Amino acid sequence: MLYLLLEDTFDIDVENSNVSQVIDSYMATTWRGHRDKLHDHIKEIGGSDDLTRAKTTPPSDIMKEDWEYLCDLWSDKKYLEIAKKKVMAHQNENLIVEMVRRV
């Protein structure tokens, strides 16, 4: 659908694999940034501590159903366990980099 809109709006060949890769890359980067802002919002309003409040306080730029889905996702125990492991792994990577710099 997005590709059709792009083709209608711009003189662009979305069938070209290089063009589609660039578009996909930009879209992924944009989504990650937006998702991070949404995740920051849920943390600011209480997040998993008060899921009801979080679900009833969506940002203005997201549909209620999508926001509720993300709230459920970000408060899910499995998600939180994986997120915690990723944070710890990232901290370990930073520690290793710092140790290598000192050598």
N, C-alpha and C. Protein backbone atom coordinates (compact mmCIF):
# COMPACT_ATOMS: atom_id res chain seq x y z
N MET A 1 0.82 -1.18 0.00
CA MET A 1 0.00 0.00 0.00
C MET A 1 0.87 1.26 0.00
N LEU A 2 1.88 1.27 0.85
CA LEU A 2 2.76 2.43 0.91
C LEU A 2 3.51 2.59 -0.41
N TYR A 3 3.93 1.47 -0.97
CA TYR A 3 4.64 1.55 -2.25
C TYR A 3 3.76 2.16 -3.33
N LEU A 4 2.49 1.81 -3.34
CA LEU A 4 1.57 2.39 -4.33
C LEU A 4 1.45 3.89 -4.14
N LEU A 5 1.36 4.32 -2.90
CA LEU A 5 1.29 5.75 -2.61
C LEU A 5 2.56 6.46 -3.07
N LEU A 6 3.69 5.85 -2.83
CA LEU A 6 4.96 6.44 -3.26
C LEU A 6 5.03 6.55 -4.77
N GLU A 7 4.60 5.49 -5.45
CA GLU A 7 4.62 5.51 -6.92
C GLU A 7 3.69 6.58 -7.48
N ASP A 8 2.54 6.76 -6.84
CA ASP A 8 1.59 7.77 -7.30
C ASP A 8 2.08 9.19 -7.02
N THR A 9 2.84 9.35 -5.95
CA THR A 9 3.28 10.68 -5.54
C THR A 9 4.60 11.09 -6.18
N PHE A 10 5.50 10.13 -6.35
CA PHE A 10 6.83 10.44 -6.85
C PHE A 10 7.13 9.63 -8.11
N ASP A 11 8.07 10.12 -8.88
CA ASP A 11 8.55 9.38 -10.04
C ASP A 11 9.62 8.41 -9.54
N ILE A 12 9.16 7.25 -9.10
CA ILE A 12 10.05 6.29 -8.43
C ILE A 12 9.68 4.88 -8.85
N ASP A 13 10.69 4.05 -9.00
CA ASP A 13 10.47 2.66 -9.38
C ASP A 13 10.64 1.77 -8.15
N VAL A 14 9.55 1.46 -7.49
CA VAL A 14 9.64 0.66 -6.27
C VAL A 14 9.90 -0.81 -6.56
N GLU A 15 9.85 -1.19 -7.82
CA GLU A 15 10.19 -2.57 -8.20
C GLU A 15 11.70 -2.78 -8.19
N ASN A 16 12.46 -1.70 -8.27
CA ASN A 16 13.91 -1.77 -8.22
C ASN A 16 14.32 -2.20 -6.81
N SER A 17 15.09 -3.27 -6.70
CA SER A 17 15.43 -3.80 -5.38
C SER A 17 16.23 -2.81 -4.54
N ASN A 18 17.09 -2.03 -5.17
CA ASN A 18 17.86 -1.03 -4.41
C ASN A 18 16.94 0.04 -3.83
N VAL A 19 15.99 0.47 -4.62
CA VAL A 19 15.04 1.49 -4.16
C VAL A 19 14.20 0.94 -3.01
N SER A 20 13.70 -0.27 -3.17
CA SER A 20 12.85 -0.84 -2.11
C SER A 20 13.66 -1.09 -0.84
N GLN A 21 14.93 -1.44 -0.96
CA GLN A 21 15.77 -1.62 0.23
C GLN A 21 15.95 -0.30 0.98
N VAL A 22 16.17 0.77 0.23
CA VAL A 22 16.34 2.08 0.86
C VAL A 22 15.04 2.51 1.55
N ILE A 23 13.93 2.32 0.86
CA ILE A 23 12.63 2.67 1.45
C ILE A 23 12.38 1.86 2.72
N ASP A 24 12.62 0.56 2.65
CA ASP A 24 12.42 -0.30 3.82
C ASP A 24 13.33 0.12 4.98
N SER A 25 14.56 0.49 4.67
CA SER A 25 15.49 0.91 5.70
C SER A 25 15.01 2.19 6.39
N TYR A 26 14.59 3.16 5.59
CA TYR A 26 14.07 4.41 6.17
C TYR A 26 12.81 4.17 6.99
N MET A 27 11.95 3.31 6.48
CA MET A 27 10.71 3.01 7.22
C MET A 27 11.02 2.33 8.55
N ALA A 28 11.97 1.40 8.54
CA ALA A 28 12.34 0.70 9.77
C ALA A 28 12.93 1.67 10.79
N THR A 29 13.79 2.56 10.33
CA THR A 29 14.40 3.54 11.22
C THR A 29 13.34 4.48 11.80
N THR A 30 12.44 4.91 10.96
CA THR A 30 11.37 5.80 11.41
C THR A 30 10.48 5.10 12.42
N TRP A 31 10.13 3.85 12.16
CA TRP A 31 9.29 3.10 13.09
C TRP A 31 9.99 2.92 14.43
N ARG A 32 11.28 2.59 14.40
CA ARG A 32 12.01 2.40 15.66
C ARG A 32 11.99 3.68 16.49
N GLY A 33 12.21 4.81 15.85
CA GLY A 33 12.19 6.08 16.58
C GLY A 33 10.82 6.36 17.17
N HIS A 34 9.78 6.11 16.39
CA HIS A 34 8.42 6.34 16.87
C HIS A 34 8.07 5.38 18.01
N ARG A 35 8.45 4.12 17.83
CA ARG A 35 8.19 3.11 18.86
C ARG A 35 8.90 3.48 20.16
N ASP A 36 10.12 3.98 20.05
CA ASP A 36 10.87 4.38 21.24
C ASP A 36 10.16 5.53 21.97
N LYS A 37 9.63 6.48 21.20
CA LYS A 37 8.89 7.59 21.83
C LYS A 37 7.63 7.08 22.53
N LEU A 38 6.95 6.13 21.90
CA LEU A 38 5.77 5.55 22.53
C LEU A 38 6.14 4.80 23.80
N HIS A 39 7.24 4.07 23.75
CA HIS A 39 7.69 3.32 24.92
C HIS A 39 8.08 4.28 26.05
N ASP A 40 8.72 5.37 25.70
CA ASP A 40 9.05 6.39 26.71
C ASP A 40 7.77 6.94 27.34
N HIS A 41 6.74 7.13 26.52
CA HIS A 41 5.47 7.65 27.03
C HIS A 41 4.86 6.71 28.07
N ILE A 42 4.86 5.42 27.77
CA ILE A 42 4.26 4.48 28.72
C ILE A 42 5.07 4.44 30.02
N LYS A 43 6.37 4.58 29.92
CA LYS A 43 7.19 4.60 31.13
C LYS A 43 6.88 5.84 31.98
N GLU A 44 6.69 6.98 31.31
CA GLU A 44 6.42 8.23 32.02
C GLU A 44 5.10 8.21 32.78
N ILE A 45 4.12 7.49 32.25
CA ILE A 45 2.79 7.51 32.87
C ILE A 45 2.54 6.33 33.79
N GLY A 46 3.56 5.56 34.08
CA GLY A 46 3.38 4.48 35.04
C GLY A 46 3.62 3.10 34.49
N GLY A 47 3.57 2.97 33.19
CA GLY A 47 3.91 1.72 32.53
C GLY A 47 3.24 0.50 33.11
N SER A 48 4.03 -0.52 33.37
CA SER A 48 3.48 -1.79 33.83
C SER A 48 3.01 -1.73 35.28
N ASP A 49 3.38 -0.67 36.01
CA ASP A 49 2.90 -0.53 37.38
C ASP A 49 1.41 -0.21 37.43
N ASP A 50 0.94 0.54 36.44
CA ASP A 50 -0.48 0.91 36.37
C ASP A 50 -0.94 0.76 34.93
N LEU A 51 -1.18 -0.48 34.53
CA LEU A 51 -1.53 -0.78 33.15
C LEU A 51 -2.85 -0.13 32.74
N THR A 52 -3.80 -0.05 33.65
CA THR A 52 -5.08 0.58 33.32
C THR A 52 -4.88 2.05 32.98
N ARG A 53 -4.10 2.74 33.78
CA ARG A 53 -3.82 4.15 33.50
C ARG A 53 -3.08 4.30 32.18
N ALA A 54 -2.11 3.43 31.97
CA ALA A 54 -1.34 3.50 30.73
C ALA A 54 -2.25 3.32 29.51
N LYS A 55 -3.14 2.35 29.58
CA LYS A 55 -4.03 2.08 28.44
C LYS A 55 -5.01 3.22 28.18
N THR A 56 -5.36 3.94 29.23
CA THR A 56 -6.34 5.02 29.06
C THR A 56 -5.68 6.38 28.82
N THR A 57 -4.36 6.38 28.67
CA THR A 57 -3.64 7.63 28.43
C THR A 57 -2.74 7.49 27.19
N PRO A 58 -3.34 7.23 26.03
CA PRO A 58 -2.51 7.06 24.83
C PRO A 58 -2.01 8.41 24.31
N PRO A 59 -0.89 8.39 23.61
CA PRO A 59 -0.46 9.60 22.92
C PRO A 59 -1.48 9.96 21.84
N SER A 60 -1.46 11.18 21.41
CA SER A 60 -2.47 11.64 20.45
C SER A 60 -2.28 11.08 19.04
N ASP A 61 -1.09 10.56 18.75
CA ASP A 61 -0.81 10.13 17.38
C ASP A 61 -0.89 8.62 17.18
N ILE A 62 -1.70 7.94 17.99
CA ILE A 62 -1.85 6.49 17.84
C ILE A 62 -3.29 6.09 18.12
N MET A 63 -3.75 5.10 17.38
CA MET A 63 -5.12 4.61 17.60
C MET A 63 -5.18 3.86 18.93
N LYS A 64 -6.33 3.94 19.57
CA LYS A 64 -6.51 3.34 20.89
C LYS A 64 -6.20 1.84 20.88
N GLU A 65 -6.67 1.13 19.87
CA GLU A 65 -6.45 -0.32 19.79
C GLU A 65 -4.96 -0.64 19.67
N ASP A 66 -4.25 0.15 18.87
CA ASP A 66 -2.82 -0.07 18.71
C ASP A 66 -2.08 0.21 20.02
N TRP A 67 -2.50 1.28 20.70
CA TRP A 67 -1.87 1.64 21.97
C TRP A 67 -2.09 0.54 23.02
N GLU A 68 -3.30 0.02 23.08
CA GLU A 68 -3.59 -1.04 24.04
C GLU A 68 -2.76 -2.28 23.75
N TYR A 69 -2.59 -2.59 22.46
CA TYR A 69 -1.76 -3.73 22.07
C TYR A 69 -0.32 -3.53 22.57
N LEU A 70 0.22 -2.33 22.33
CA LEU A 70 1.59 -2.05 22.76
C LEU A 70 1.71 -2.08 24.28
N CYS A 71 0.72 -1.56 24.98
CA CYS A 71 0.74 -1.60 26.45
C CYS A 71 0.77 -3.05 26.94
N ASP A 72 -0.06 -3.89 26.33
CA ASP A 72 -0.06 -5.31 26.71
C ASP A 72 1.29 -5.96 26.39
N LEU A 73 1.84 -5.63 25.24
CA LEU A 73 3.13 -6.19 24.85
C LEU A 73 4.22 -5.78 25.83
N TRP A 74 4.30 -4.48 26.13
CA TRP A 74 5.37 -3.97 26.97
C TRP A 74 5.21 -4.35 28.44
N SER A 75 4.07 -4.84 28.84
CA SER A 75 3.89 -5.26 30.22
C SER A 75 3.88 -6.79 30.36
N ASP A 76 4.00 -7.49 29.25
CA ASP A 76 4.02 -8.95 29.27
C ASP A 76 5.29 -9.45 29.95
N LYS A 77 5.15 -10.47 30.79
CA LYS A 77 6.30 -10.98 31.55
C LYS A 77 7.42 -11.48 30.64
N LYS A 78 7.06 -12.18 29.58
CA LYS A 78 8.09 -12.68 28.66
C LYS A 78 8.84 -11.52 28.01
N TYR A 79 8.10 -10.50 27.60
CA TYR A 79 8.74 -9.33 26.99
C TYR A 79 9.69 -8.66 27.99
N LEU A 80 9.23 -8.50 29.22
CA LEU A 80 10.06 -7.85 30.24
C LEU A 80 11.32 -8.65 30.55
N GLU A 81 11.20 -9.98 30.55
CA GLU A 81 12.38 -10.82 30.78
C GLU A 81 13.39 -10.67 29.66
N ILE A 82 12.91 -10.69 28.43
CA ILE A 82 13.79 -10.53 27.27
C ILE A 82 14.43 -9.15 27.29
N ALA A 83 13.64 -8.13 27.59
CA ALA A 83 14.17 -6.76 27.64
C ALA A 83 15.25 -6.64 28.70
N LYS A 84 15.04 -7.26 29.84
CA LYS A 84 16.03 -7.21 30.92
C LYS A 84 17.33 -7.88 30.47
N LYS A 85 17.22 -9.02 29.80
CA LYS A 85 18.41 -9.72 29.29
C LYS A 85 19.15 -8.86 28.27
N LYS A 86 18.40 -8.18 27.42
CA LYS A 86 19.04 -7.32 26.41
C LYS A 86 19.77 -6.16 27.07
N VAL A 87 19.16 -5.59 28.10
CA VAL A 87 19.81 -4.48 28.81
C VAL A 87 21.10 -4.97 29.46
N MET A 88 21.05 -6.13 30.08
CA MET A 88 22.24 -6.68 30.73
C MET A 88 23.33 -6.99 29.69
N ALA A 89 22.94 -7.55 28.56
CA ALA A 89 23.91 -7.85 27.51
C ALA A 89 24.55 -6.57 26.98
N HIS A 90 23.74 -5.54 26.81
CA HIS A 90 24.26 -4.26 26.33
C HIS A 90 25.22 -3.65 27.35
N GLN A 91 24.89 -3.76 28.62
CA GLN A 91 25.78 -3.25 29.67
C GLN A 91 27.10 -4.02 29.66
N ASN A 92 27.03 -5.33 29.46
CA ASN A 92 28.24 -6.14 29.40
C ASN A 92 29.10 -5.75 28.19
N GLU A 93 28.45 -5.50 27.06
CA GLU A 93 29.19 -5.07 25.88
C GLU A 93 29.91 -3.75 26.15
N ASN A 94 29.21 -2.83 26.79
CA ASN A 94 29.82 -1.54 27.11
C ASN A 94 30.99 -1.70 28.07
N LEU A 95 30.85 -2.61 29.01
CA LEU A 95 31.92 -2.87 29.97
C LEU A 95 33.15 -3.44 29.26
N ILE A 96 32.93 -4.36 28.34
CA ILE A 96 34.04 -4.95 27.59
C ILE A 96 34.73 -3.89 26.74
N VAL A 97 33.95 -3.06 26.08
CA VAL A 97 34.53 -1.98 25.26
C VAL A 97 35.37 -1.06 26.13
N GLU A 98 34.86 -0.72 27.29
CA GLU A 98 35.60 0.16 28.21
C GLU A 98 36.89 -0.50 28.67
N MET A 99 36.85 -1.79 28.95
CA MET A 99 38.04 -2.51 29.39
C MET A 99 39.08 -2.55 28.27
N VAL A 100 38.64 -2.75 27.04
CA VAL A 100 39.56 -2.79 25.90
C VAL A 100 40.20 -1.43 25.69
N ARG A 101 39.45 -0.38 25.88
CA ARG A 101 39.99 0.98 25.72
C ARG A 101 41.10 1.26 26.73
N ARG A 102 40.96 0.70 27.90
CA ARG A 102 41.95 0.95 28.96
C ARG A 102 43.26 0.22 28.71
N VAL A 103 43.20 -0.83 27.90
CA VAL A 103 44.41 -1.63 27.65
C VAL A 103 45.34 -0.95 26.70
